[in-house]
Amino acid sequence: MSEIKTPNMEVNIAGVTLKNPVMTASGTFGSGMEYSEFVDLDKLGAVVTKGVASHPWEGNPVPRVVETASGMLNAIGLQNPGIDVFCERDLPFLQKKNTRIIVNVCGHTEEEYLEVVDRLADEQIDMMEINISCPNVKEGGIAFGTVPSAIEHITKVIREHAAQPVIMKLSPNVTDIRECAKAAEAGGADAVSLINTLTGMKIDIERQNFVLANRTGGMSGPAVKPIAVRMVYEVSRAVKIPVIGMGGIASAEDAVEFLLAGASAVSVGTANFFNPTITGEIADGIREYLIRHKIDDVNKLRTILA
């Protein structure tokens, strides 16, 4: 077989073509502006923004970030300036870049989600990623993302309002993530992304107190990757819609592992904090992997273990 010099790196998510399968994970990359001096955003398949709510959120009290073995815990609480500031300040910056724009949407209630979705209908963005791991205050604190029936309902309602393709971001803090993915698909989701963070805790044994003011936080980083790969593998075989894999990706090799597990694309999160140039490096590394293994199309990776 002759050497592959220019393998196809394009992937298609819900009718949207990305120049490569590498995107950023929400909450780890701001809205792109913050990392633009380190990363050429034009090299990325997509920039996924920090969560945007219908109004400004202050987030949780500090301390709210702590390192752990091979990872970190965060209890930021989805702090953000709200949809008005996002549309006036952040979105115009992204629209000047040659990359796909995916806006992460968060909310406490159905109405809050829909306010953002409706506002984005007239904006030039490519897709929305819906964070359904936020507490649903109307249901006694139950998160939308942990009950399949609630996932199907909120997906259906958002899909009816959305002008762009909808990606539902799934929580791993469930008994069977396949059921959650199937519920999102039944509700009309165009794709799913997983995994969001795992709930964890750290205690300071000298102070004999919780390290995080919120007591618990979301665990991310290399330590969660084996769990994430397993869940992506299971979900990619349970649904027919595209799967975007994330969770502990810190190298091109990690990204390829998710693609082989069945992901159509990958999101890079915590690694941005310790290597702000990592996303571009991963895109280059995937291409080099394809050339080395004489694979002419990145999309073929997800079919190898089928």
C-alpha atoms as a PDB file:
ATOM      1  CA  MET A   1       0.000   0.000   0.000  1.00  0.00           C
ATOM      2  CA  SER A   2       1.371   3.427  -0.965  1.00  0.00           C
ATOM      3  CA  GLU A   3       2.066   6.054   1.662  1.00  0.00           C
ATOM      4  CA  ILE A   4      -0.855   8.330   2.557  1.00  0.00           C
ATOM      5  CA  LYS A   5       0.474  11.895   2.475  1.00  0.00           C
ATOM      6  CA  THR A   6      -2.742  13.860   2.871  1.00  0.00           C
ATOM      7  CA  PRO A   7      -5.395  11.815   4.700  1.00  0.00           C
ATOM      8  CA  ASN A   8      -8.904  13.231   4.905  1.00  0.00           C
ATOM      9  CA  MET A   9      -9.360  14.859   8.302  1.00  0.00           C
ATOM     10  CA  GLU A  10     -12.871  16.204   7.779  1.00  0.00           C
ATOM     11  CA  VAL A  11     -15.725  14.847   9.889  1.00  0.00           C
ATOM     12  CA  ASN A  12     -19.447  15.510   9.678  1.00  0.00           C
ATOM     13  CA  ILE A  13     -21.528  16.124  12.782  1.00  0.00           C
ATOM     14  CA  ALA A  14     -25.238  16.521  12.124  1.00  0.00           C
ATOM     15  CA  GLY A  15     -24.672  17.968   8.657  1.00  0.00           C
ATOM     16  CA  VAL A  16     -21.915  20.330   9.812  1.00  0.00           C
ATOM     17  CA  THR A  17     -18.472  19.667   8.349  1.00  0.00           C
ATOM     18  CA  LEU A  18     -15.481  20.141  10.641  1.00  0.00           C
ATOM     19  CA  LYS A  19     -12.002  20.436   9.105  1.00  0.00           C
ATOM     20  CA  ASN A  20     -10.760  17.917  11.696  1.00  0.00           C
ATOM     21  CA  PRO A  21     -12.252  16.023  14.656  1.00  0.00           C
ATOM     22  CA  VAL A  22     -10.623  18.152  17.387  1.00  0.00           C
ATOM     23  CA  MET A  23     -12.698  20.596  19.386  1.00  0.00           C
ATOM     24  CA  THR A  24     -12.418  22.212  22.791  1.00  0.00           C
ATOM     25  CA  ALA A  25     -14.359  21.073  25.848  1.00  0.00           C
ATOM     26  CA  SER A  26     -16.747  23.568  27.344  1.00  0.00           C
ATOM     27  CA  GLY A  27     -15.544  25.360  30.448  1.00  0.00           C
ATOM     28  CA  THR A  28     -11.841  24.855  29.723  1.00  0.00           C
ATOM     29  CA  PHE A  29     -11.257  27.250  26.838  1.00  0.00           C
ATOM     30  CA  GLY A  30     -13.313  30.328  27.670  1.00  0.00           C
ATOM     31  CA  SER A  31     -14.898  31.464  24.438  1.00  0.00           C
ATOM     32  CA  GLY A  32     -11.700  31.113  22.444  1.00  0.00           C
ATOM     33  CA  MET A  33     -10.384  34.645  22.920  1.00  0.00           C
ATOM     34  CA  GLU A  34      -8.539  33.646  26.087  1.00  0.00           C
ATOM     35  CA  TYR A  35      -6.466  30.992  24.288  1.00  0.00           C
ATOM     36  CA  SER A  36      -6.083  32.631  20.902  1.00  0.00           C
ATOM     37  CA  GLU A  37      -2.507  33.817  21.606  1.00  0.00           C
ATOM     38  CA  PHE A  38      -1.475  30.200  22.240  1.00  0.00           C
ATOM     39  CA  VAL A  39      -3.595  28.318  19.695  1.00  0.00           C
ATOM     40  CA  ASP A  40      -4.415  29.100  16.083  1.00  0.00           C
ATOM     41  CA  LEU A  41      -8.174  28.659  16.351  1.00  0.00           C
ATOM     42  CA  ASP A  42      -8.339  28.185  12.576  1.00  0.00           C
ATOM     43  CA  LYS A  43      -6.562  24.823  13.036  1.00  0.00           C
ATOM     44  CA  LEU A  44      -9.382  23.416  15.171  1.00  0.00           C
ATOM     45  CA  GLY A  45     -12.475  21.589  14.032  1.00  0.00           C
ATOM     46  CA  ALA A  46     -14.603  23.644  16.405  1.00  0.00           C
ATOM     47  CA  VAL A  47     -14.464  25.870  19.445  1.00  0.00           C
ATOM     48  CA  VAL A  48     -16.990  24.925  22.104  1.00  0.00           C
ATOM     49  CA  THR A  49     -17.662  27.904  24.346  1.00  0.00           C
ATOM     50  CA  LYS A  50     -17.974  28.071  28.094  1.00  0.00           C
ATOM     51  CA  GLY A  51     -21.547  27.557  29.271  1.00  0.00           C
ATOM     52  CA  VAL A  52     -23.857  30.478  28.479  1.00  0.00           C
ATOM     53  CA  ALA A  53     -26.958  31.166  30.570  1.00  0.00           C
ATOM     54  CA  SER A  54     -29.937  33.462  30.140  1.00  0.00           C
ATOM     55  CA  HIS A  55     -28.516  35.855  32.747  1.00  0.00           C
ATOM     56  CA  PRO A  56     -25.155  36.271  34.538  1.00  0.00           C
ATOM     57  CA  TRP A  57     -24.200  33.528  37.012  1.00  0.00           C
ATOM     58  CA  GLU A  58     -21.744  34.273  39.806  1.00  0.00           C
ATOM     59  CA  GLY A  59     -20.842  30.631  40.304  1.00  0.00           C
ATOM     60  CA  ASN A  60     -19.925  28.941  43.575  1.00  0.00           C
ATOM     61  CA  PRO A  61     -17.894  30.368  46.461  1.00  0.00           C
ATOM     62  CA  VAL A  62     -14.109  29.824  46.584  1.00  0.00           C
ATOM     63  CA  PRO A  63     -12.056  27.713  46.869  1.00  0.00           C
ATOM     64  CA  ARG A  64     -13.525  25.927  43.886  1.00  0.00           C
ATOM     65  CA  VAL A  65     -10.616  24.245  42.066  1.00  0.00           C
ATOM     66  CA  VAL A  66      -8.143  21.682  43.425  1.00  0.00           C
ATOM     67  CA  GLU A  67      -5.643  19.323  41.839  1.00  0.00           C
ATOM     68  CA  THR A  68      -5.962  15.582  42.396  1.00  0.00           C
ATOM     69  CA  ALA A  69      -3.879  12.603  41.337  1.00  0.00           C
ATOM     70  CA  SER A  70      -3.841  12.750  37.521  1.00  0.00           C
ATOM     71  CA  GLY A  71      -6.663  15.237  37.398  1.00  0.00           C
ATOM     72  CA  MET A  72      -8.572  18.021  39.066  1.00  0.00           C
ATOM     73  CA  LEU A  73     -11.828  18.807  40.838  1.00  0.00           C
ATOM     74  CA  ASN A  74     -13.757  21.936  39.953  1.00  0.00           C
ATOM     75  CA  ALA A  75     -16.834  23.476  41.497  1.00  0.00           C
ATOM     76  CA  ILE A  76     -16.913  26.666  39.423  1.00  0.00           C
ATOM     77  CA  GLY A  77     -20.703  26.552  39.236  1.00  0.00           C
ATOM     78  CA  LEU A  78     -20.844  27.561  35.555  1.00  0.00           C
ATOM     79  CA  GLN A  79     -19.940  31.191  36.225  1.00  0.00           C
ATOM     80  CA  ASN A  80     -20.661  33.215  33.089  1.00  0.00           C
ATOM     81  CA  PRO A  81     -21.647  36.767  32.089  1.00  0.00           C
ATOM     82  CA  GLY A  82     -24.907  35.730  30.396  1.00  0.00           C
ATOM     83  CA  ILE A  83     -26.184  35.602  26.839  1.00  0.00           C
ATOM     84  CA  ASP A  84     -26.252  39.373  26.251  1.00  0.00           C
ATOM     85  CA  VAL A  85     -22.547  39.864  26.973  1.00  0.00           C
ATOM     86  CA  PHE A  86     -21.694  36.685  25.066  1.00  0.00           C
ATOM     87  CA  CYS A  87     -23.469  37.869  21.911  1.00  0.00           C
ATOM     88  CA  GLU A  88     -22.045  41.392  22.132  1.00  0.00           C
ATOM     89  CA  ARG A  89     -18.440  40.572  23.095  1.00  0.00           C
ATOM     90  CA  ASP A  90     -17.453  36.933  22.527  1.00  0.00           C
ATOM     91  CA  LEU A  91     -19.433  35.823  19.505  1.00  0.00           C
ATOM     92  CA  PRO A  92     -18.160  38.565  17.120  1.00  0.00           C
ATOM     93  CA  PHE A  93     -14.580  37.507  17.929  1.00  0.00           C
ATOM     94  CA  LEU A  94     -15.289  33.858  17.116  1.00  0.00           C
ATOM     95  CA  GLN A  95     -17.145  34.707  13.937  1.00  0.00           C
ATOM     96  CA  LYS A  96     -13.942  36.195  12.513  1.00  0.00           C
ATOM     97  CA  LYS A  97     -12.204  32.824  12.840  1.00  0.00           C
ATOM     98  CA  ASN A  98     -12.242  30.001  10.311  1.00  0.00           C
ATOM     99  CA  THR A  99     -13.570  27.381  12.698  1.00  0.00           C
ATOM    100  CA  ARG A 100     -16.950  26.012  13.653  1.00  0.00           C
ATOM    101  CA  ILE A 101     -18.715  27.653  16.605  1.00  0.00           C
ATOM    102  CA  ILE A 102     -20.542  25.483  19.130  1.00  0.00           C
ATOM    103  CA  VAL A 103     -22.227  27.335  21.981  1.00  0.00           C
ATOM    104  CA  ASN A 104     -22.648  25.452  25.247  1.00  0.00           C
ATOM    105  CA  VAL A 105     -25.989  26.301  26.847  1.00  0.00           C
ATOM    106  CA  CYS A 106     -26.765  25.934  30.546  1.00  0.00           C
ATOM    107  CA  GLY A 107     -29.789  26.655  32.703  1.00  0.00           C
ATOM    108  CA  HIS A 108     -31.516  25.840  35.954  1.00  0.00           C
ATOM    109  CA  THR A 109     -34.970  25.447  34.406  1.00  0.00           C
ATOM    110  CA  GLU A 110     -36.539  24.596  31.080  1.00  0.00           C
ATOM    111  CA  GLU A 111     -37.439  28.238  30.609  1.00  0.00           C
ATOM    112  CA  GLU A 112     -33.839  29.373  31.138  1.00  0.00           C
ATOM    113  CA  TYR A 113     -32.550  26.928  28.534  1.00  0.00           C
ATOM    114  CA  LEU A 114     -35.148  28.025  26.001  1.00  0.00           C
ATOM    115  CA  GLU A 115     -34.406  31.715  26.526  1.00  0.00           C
ATOM    116  CA  VAL A 116     -30.816  31.115  25.392  1.00  0.00           C
ATOM    117  CA  VAL A 117     -31.789  28.721  22.588  1.00  0.00           C
ATOM    118  CA  ASP A 118     -34.302  31.235  21.226  1.00  0.00           C
ATOM    119  CA  ARG A 119     -31.791  34.069  21.438  1.00  0.00           C
ATOM    120  CA  LEU A 120     -29.204  32.036  19.508  1.00  0.00           C
ATOM    121  CA  ALA A 121     -31.656  31.196  16.718  1.00  0.00           C
ATOM    122  CA  ASP A 122     -30.759  34.392  14.852  1.00  0.00           C
ATOM    123  CA  GLU A 123     -27.020  34.227  15.516  1.00  0.00           C
ATOM    124  CA  GLN A 124     -24.396  32.834  13.150  1.00  0.00           C
ATOM    125  CA  ILE A 125     -23.326  29.753  15.067  1.00  0.00           C
ATOM    126  CA  ASP A 126     -22.988  26.183  13.845  1.00  0.00           C
ATOM    127  CA  MET A 127     -24.333  24.066  16.695  1.00  0.00           C
ATOM    128  CA  MET A 128     -25.400  24.132  20.324  1.00  0.00           C
ATOM    129  CA  GLU A 129     -24.215  21.803  23.071  1.00  0.00           C
ATOM    130  CA  ILE A 130     -26.743  21.525  25.880  1.00  0.00           C
ATOM    131  CA  ASN A 131     -25.350  20.981  29.372  1.00  0.00           C
ATOM    132  CA  ILE A 132     -28.025  18.906  31.074  1.00  0.00           C
ATOM    133  CA  SER A 133     -26.020  18.290  34.219  1.00  0.00           C
ATOM    134  CA  CYS A 134     -27.306  21.505  35.782  1.00  0.00           C
ATOM    135  CA  PRO A 135     -29.683  21.113  38.770  1.00  0.00           C
ATOM    136  CA  ASN A 136     -33.333  21.334  37.812  1.00  0.00           C
ATOM    137  CA  VAL A 137     -34.582  23.490  40.664  1.00  0.00           C
ATOM    138  CA  LYS A 138     -38.227  22.881  39.789  1.00  0.00           C
ATOM    139  CA  GLU A 139     -37.746  19.150  40.364  1.00  0.00           C
ATOM    140  CA  GLY A 140     -36.218  19.298  43.815  1.00  0.00           C
ATOM    141  CA  GLY A 141     -32.603  19.524  42.635  1.00  0.00           C
ATOM    142  CA  ILE A 142     -32.690  16.484  40.341  1.00  0.00           C
ATOM    143  CA  ALA A 143     -30.387  17.112  37.400  1.00  0.00           C
ATOM    144  CA  PHE A 144     -31.991  16.937  33.962  1.00  0.00           C
ATOM    145  CA  GLY A 145     -29.203  14.654  32.862  1.00  0.00           C
ATOM    146  CA  THR A 146     -29.668  11.755  35.269  1.00  0.00           C
ATOM    147  CA  VAL A 147     -33.237  10.662  34.455  1.00  0.00           C
ATOM    148  CA  PRO A 148     -33.873   9.285  30.933  1.00  0.00           C
ATOM    149  CA  SER A 149     -37.454  10.560  30.774  1.00  0.00           C
ATOM    150  CA  ALA A 150     -36.290  14.054  31.751  1.00  0.00           C
ATOM    151  CA  ILE A 151     -33.506  13.888  29.151  1.00  0.00           C
ATOM    152  CA  GLU A 152     -35.955  12.960  26.412  1.00  0.00           C
ATOM    153  CA  HIS A 153     -38.337  15.730  27.452  1.00  0.00           C
ATOM    154  CA  ILE A 154     -35.808  18.563  27.635  1.00  0.00           C
ATOM    155  CA  THR A 155     -34.192  17.407  24.378  1.00  0.00           C
ATOM    156  CA  LYS A 156     -37.539  17.418  22.582  1.00  0.00           C
ATOM    157  CA  VAL A 157     -38.447  20.870  23.864  1.00  0.00           C
ATOM    158  CA  ILE A 158     -35.066  22.340  22.928  1.00  0.00           C
ATOM    159  CA  ARG A 159     -35.080  20.653  19.517  1.00  0.00           C
ATOM    160  CA  GLU A 160     -38.470  22.246  18.773  1.00  0.00           C
ATOM    161  CA  HIS A 161     -37.023  25.703  19.449  1.00  0.00           C
ATOM    162  CA  ALA A 162     -33.507  25.307  18.069  1.00  0.00           C
ATOM    163  CA  ALA A 163     -32.510  26.711  14.697  1.00  0.00           C
ATOM    164  CA  GLN A 164     -29.173  24.847  14.746  1.00  0.00           C
ATOM    165  CA  PRO A 165     -28.216  21.189  15.353  1.00  0.00           C
ATOM    166  CA  VAL A 166     -28.383  20.175  19.010  1.00  0.00           C
ATOM    167  CA  ILE A 167     -25.724  18.172  20.875  1.00  0.00           C
ATOM    168  CA  MET A 168     -26.807  16.840  24.269  1.00  0.00           C
ATOM    169  CA  LYS A 169     -23.929  16.633  26.762  1.00  0.00           C
ATOM    170  CA  LEU A 170     -24.367  13.576  28.968  1.00  0.00           C
ATOM    171  CA  SER A 171     -23.507  13.092  32.626  1.00  0.00           C
ATOM    172  CA  PRO A 172     -21.540   9.963  33.617  1.00  0.00           C
ATOM    173  CA  ASN A 173     -23.088  10.035  37.093  1.00  0.00           C
ATOM    174  CA  VAL A 174     -25.758   7.505  36.124  1.00  0.00           C
ATOM    175  CA  THR A 175     -26.291   3.757  36.264  1.00  0.00           C
ATOM    176  CA  ASP A 176     -26.373   3.217  32.490  1.00  0.00           C
ATOM    177  CA  ILE A 177     -25.305   6.048  30.212  1.00  0.00           C
ATOM    178  CA  ARG A 178     -26.610   4.122  27.197  1.00  0.00           C
ATOM    179  CA  GLU A 179     -30.184   4.663  28.387  1.00  0.00           C
ATOM    180  CA  CYS A 180     -29.501   8.387  28.705  1.00  0.00           C
ATOM    181  CA  ALA A 181     -28.058   8.521  25.189  1.00  0.00           C
ATOM    182  CA  LYS A 182     -31.035   6.646  23.761  1.00  0.00           C
ATOM    183  CA  ALA A 183     -33.375   9.064  25.546  1.00  0.00           C
ATOM    184  CA  ALA A 184     -31.569  12.024  23.982  1.00  0.00           C
ATOM    185  CA  GLU A 185     -31.793  10.380  20.566  1.00  0.00           C
ATOM    186  CA  ALA A 186     -35.511   9.713  21.065  1.00  0.00           C
ATOM    187  CA  GLY A 187     -35.987  13.369  21.964  1.00  0.00           C
ATOM    188  CA  GLY A 188     -34.461  14.433  18.646  1.00  0.00           C
ATOM    189  CA  ALA A 189     -30.840  15.138  19.540  1.00  0.00           C
ATOM    190  CA  ASP A 190     -28.587  15.508  16.508  1.00  0.00           C
ATOM    191  CA  ALA A 191     -25.552  14.230  18.453  1.00  0.00           C
ATOM    192  CA  VAL A 192     -24.415  13.473  21.995  1.00  0.00           C
ATOM    193  CA  SER A 193     -21.186  14.401  23.771  1.00  0.00           C
ATOM    194  CA  LEU A 194     -19.692  12.544  26.723  1.00  0.00           C
ATOM    195  CA  ILE A 195     -18.512  12.402  29.356  1.00  0.00           C
ATOM    196  CA  ASN A 196     -19.137  15.385  31.548  1.00  0.00           C
ATOM    197  CA  THR A 197     -17.278  15.363  34.865  1.00  0.00           C
ATOM    198  CA  LEU A 198     -17.621  12.681  37.538  1.00  0.00           C
ATOM    199  CA  THR A 199     -18.707  13.850  40.984  1.00  0.00           C
ATOM    200  CA  GLY A 200     -15.821  13.727  43.452  1.00  0.00           C
ATOM    201  CA  MET A 201     -14.583  15.082  46.774  1.00  0.00           C
ATOM    202  CA  LYS A 202     -11.288  15.955  48.473  1.00  0.00           C
ATOM    203  CA  ILE A 203     -10.753  16.431  52.211  1.00  0.00           C
ATOM    204  CA  ASP A 204      -7.819  18.241  53.834  1.00  0.00           C
ATOM    205  CA  ILE A 205      -6.797  15.880  56.611  1.00  0.00           C
ATOM    206  CA  GLU A 206      -4.718  18.501  58.468  1.00  0.00           C
ATOM    207  CA  ARG A 207      -7.504  21.079  58.548  1.00  0.00           C
ATOM    208  CA  GLN A 208     -10.007  18.238  58.793  1.00  0.00           C
ATOM    209  CA  ASN A 209     -12.299  20.029  56.417  1.00  0.00           C
ATOM    210  CA  PHE A 210     -13.468  19.949  52.805  1.00  0.00           C
ATOM    211  CA  VAL A 211     -11.018  21.431  50.302  1.00  0.00           C
ATOM    212  CA  LEU A 212     -13.771  22.814  48.071  1.00  0.00           C
ATOM    213  CA  ALA A 213     -16.256  25.281  49.509  1.00  0.00           C
ATOM    214  CA  ASN A 214     -18.941  23.378  47.639  1.00  0.00           C
ATOM    215  CA  ARG A 215     -17.701  20.103  49.241  1.00  0.00           C
ATOM    216  CA  THR A 216     -18.075  18.190  45.955  1.00  0.00           C
ATOM    217  CA  GLY A 217     -16.797  19.022  42.493  1.00  0.00           C
ATOM    218  CA  GLY A 218     -16.477  17.647  38.983  1.00  0.00           C
ATOM    219  CA  MET A 219     -13.554  15.277  38.480  1.00  0.00           C
ATOM    220  CA  SER A 220     -11.734  15.563  35.151  1.00  0.00           C
ATOM    221  CA  GLY A 221      -8.315  14.909  33.674  1.00  0.00           C
ATOM    222  CA  PRO A 222      -6.299  11.825  32.659  1.00  0.00           C
ATOM    223  CA  ALA A 223      -7.576   9.761  35.602  1.00  0.00           C
ATOM    224  CA  VAL A 224     -11.102   9.589  34.119  1.00  0.00           C
ATOM    225  CA  LYS A 225     -10.076   8.562  30.581  1.00  0.00           C
ATOM    226  CA  PRO A 226     -10.601   4.767  30.883  1.00  0.00           C
ATOM    227  CA  ILE A 227     -14.134   5.375  32.167  1.00  0.00           C
ATOM    228  CA  ALA A 228     -14.833   7.851  29.389  1.00  0.00           C
ATOM    229  CA  VAL A 229     -13.504   5.536  26.659  1.00  0.00           C
ATOM    230  CA  ARG A 230     -15.711   2.709  27.917  1.00  0.00           C
ATOM    231  CA  MET A 231     -18.790   4.933  27.969  1.00  0.00           C
ATOM    232  CA  VAL A 232     -18.111   6.302  24.480  1.00  0.00           C
ATOM    233  CA  TYR A 233     -17.695   2.751  23.200  1.00  0.00           C
ATOM    234  CA  GLU A 234     -21.026   1.696  24.751  1.00  0.00           C
ATOM    235  CA  VAL A 235     -22.968   4.751  23.616  1.00  0.00           C
ATOM    236  CA  SER A 236     -21.622   4.682  20.054  1.00  0.00           C
ATOM    237  CA  ARG A 237     -23.123   1.220  19.708  1.00  0.00           C
ATOM    238  CA  ALA A 238     -26.415   2.120  21.373  1.00  0.00           C
ATOM    239  CA  VAL A 239     -27.382   5.108  19.193  1.00  0.00           C
ATOM    240  CA  LYS A 240     -27.245   6.010  15.519  1.00  0.00           C
ATOM    241  CA  ILE A 241     -26.405   9.695  15.991  1.00  0.00           C
ATOM    242  CA  PRO A 242     -22.787  10.935  16.166  1.00  0.00           C
ATOM    243  CA  VAL A 243     -20.895  10.702  19.458  1.00  0.00           C
ATOM    244  CA  ILE A 244     -18.354  13.309  20.554  1.00  0.00           C
ATOM    245  CA  GLY A 245     -15.900  11.820  23.035  1.00  0.00           C
ATOM    246  CA  MET A 246     -14.139  13.604  25.883  1.00  0.00           C
ATOM    247  CA  GLY A 247     -12.630  12.869  29.264  1.00  0.00           C
ATOM    248  CA  GLY A 248      -8.922  12.955  30.041  1.00  0.00           C
ATOM    249  CA  ILE A 249      -7.616  13.514  26.526  1.00  0.00           C
ATOM    250  CA  ALA A 250      -4.055  14.839  26.842  1.00  0.00           C
ATOM    251  CA  SER A 251      -2.375  13.620  23.645  1.00  0.00           C
ATOM    252  CA  ALA A 252      -3.047  12.580  20.068  1.00  0.00           C
ATOM    253  CA  GLU A 253      -2.827   8.956  21.214  1.00  0.00           C
ATOM    254  CA  ASP A 254      -5.627   9.585  23.707  1.00  0.00           C
ATOM    255  CA  ALA A 255      -7.756  11.179  20.997  1.00  0.00           C
ATOM    256  CA  VAL A 256      -7.210   8.254  18.620  1.00  0.00           C
ATOM    257  CA  GLU A 257      -8.310   5.881  21.373  1.00  0.00           C
ATOM    258  CA  PHE A 258     -11.678   7.676  21.548  1.00  0.00           C
ATOM    259  CA  LEU A 259     -12.032   7.622  17.759  1.00  0.00           C
ATOM    260  CA  LEU A 260     -11.344   3.891  17.712  1.00  0.00           C
ATOM    261  CA  ALA A 261     -13.943   3.478  20.471  1.00  0.00           C
ATOM    262  CA  GLY A 262     -16.543   4.953  18.132  1.00  0.00           C
ATOM    263  CA  ALA A 263     -16.403   8.729  18.553  1.00  0.00           C
ATOM    264  CA  SER A 264     -16.849  10.891  15.456  1.00  0.00           C
ATOM    265  CA  ALA A 265     -14.961  13.754  17.092  1.00  0.00           C
ATOM    266  CA  VAL A 266     -13.239  14.565  20.375  1.00  0.00           C
ATOM    267  CA  SER A 267     -13.165  17.457  22.832  1.00  0.00           C
ATOM    268  CA  VAL A 268     -10.059  18.415  24.798  1.00  0.00           C
ATOM    269  CA  GLY A 269     -10.602  19.895  28.250  1.00  0.00           C
ATOM    270  CA  THR A 270      -8.403  19.795  31.330  1.00  0.00           C
ATOM    271  CA  ALA A 271      -5.223  19.380  29.268  1.00  0.00           C
ATOM    272  CA  ASN A 272      -5.674  22.992  28.105  1.00  0.00           C
ATOM    273  CA  PHE A 273      -4.779  24.123  31.618  1.00  0.00           C
ATOM    274  CA  PHE A 274      -1.362  22.479  31.706  1.00  0.00           C
ATOM    275  CA  ASN A 275      -0.581  22.772  27.989  1.00  0.00           C
ATOM    276  CA  PRO A 276      -2.441  25.636  26.300  1.00  0.00           C
ATOM    277  CA  THR A 277      -1.197  24.579  22.838  1.00  0.00           C
ATOM    278  CA  ILE A 278      -2.427  20.981  23.176  1.00  0.00           C
ATOM    279  CA  THR A 279      -5.447  21.153  20.846  1.00  0.00           C
ATOM    280  CA  GLY A 280      -3.381  22.074  17.802  1.00  0.00           C
ATOM    281  CA  GLU A 281      -0.799  19.461  18.706  1.00  0.00           C
ATOM    282  CA  ILE A 282      -3.502  16.791  18.904  1.00  0.00           C
ATOM    283  CA  ALA A 283      -4.898  17.705  15.482  1.00  0.00           C
ATOM    284  CA  ASP A 284      -1.402  17.383  13.989  1.00  0.00           C
ATOM    285  CA  GLY A 285      -0.803  14.141  15.886  1.00  0.00           C
ATOM    286  CA  ILE A 286      -3.965  12.495  14.573  1.00  0.00           C
ATOM    287  CA  ARG A 287      -2.907  13.304  11.016  1.00  0.00           C
ATOM    288  CA  GLU A 288       0.539  11.818  11.645  1.00  0.00           C
ATOM    289  CA  TYR A 289      -1.067   8.686  13.100  1.00  0.00           C
ATOM    290  CA  LEU A 290      -3.185   8.221   9.969  1.00  0.00           C
ATOM    291  CA  ILE A 291      -0.131   8.605   7.727  1.00  0.00           C
ATOM    292  CA  ARG A 292       1.895   6.164   9.828  1.00  0.00           C
ATOM    293  CA  HIS A 293      -0.868   3.552   9.684  1.00  0.00           C
ATOM    294  CA  LYS A 294      -1.658   4.234   6.008  1.00  0.00           C
ATOM    295  CA  ILE A 295      -5.269   5.215   6.716  1.00  0.00           C
ATOM    296  CA  ASP A 296      -6.635   7.685   4.178  1.00  0.00           C
ATOM    297  CA  ASP A 297      -9.693   8.907   6.117  1.00  0.00           C
ATOM    298  CA  VAL A 298     -10.027   9.714   9.817  1.00  0.00           C
ATOM    299  CA  ASN A 299     -13.639   8.507   9.736  1.00  0.00           C
ATOM    300  CA  LYS A 300     -12.423   4.956   9.148  1.00  0.00           C
ATOM    301  CA  LEU A 301     -11.038   4.805  12.697  1.00  0.00           C
ATOM    302  CA  ARG A 302     -14.447   4.476  14.321  1.00  0.00           C
ATOM    303  CA  THR A 303     -15.309   1.484  12.157  1.00  0.00           C
ATOM    304  CA  ILE A 304     -12.204  -0.591  12.918  1.00  0.00           C
ATOM    305  CA  LEU A 305     -13.528  -2.063  16.172  1.00  0.00           C
ATOM    306  CA  ALA A 306     -17.144  -2.278  14.971  1.00  0.00           C
END
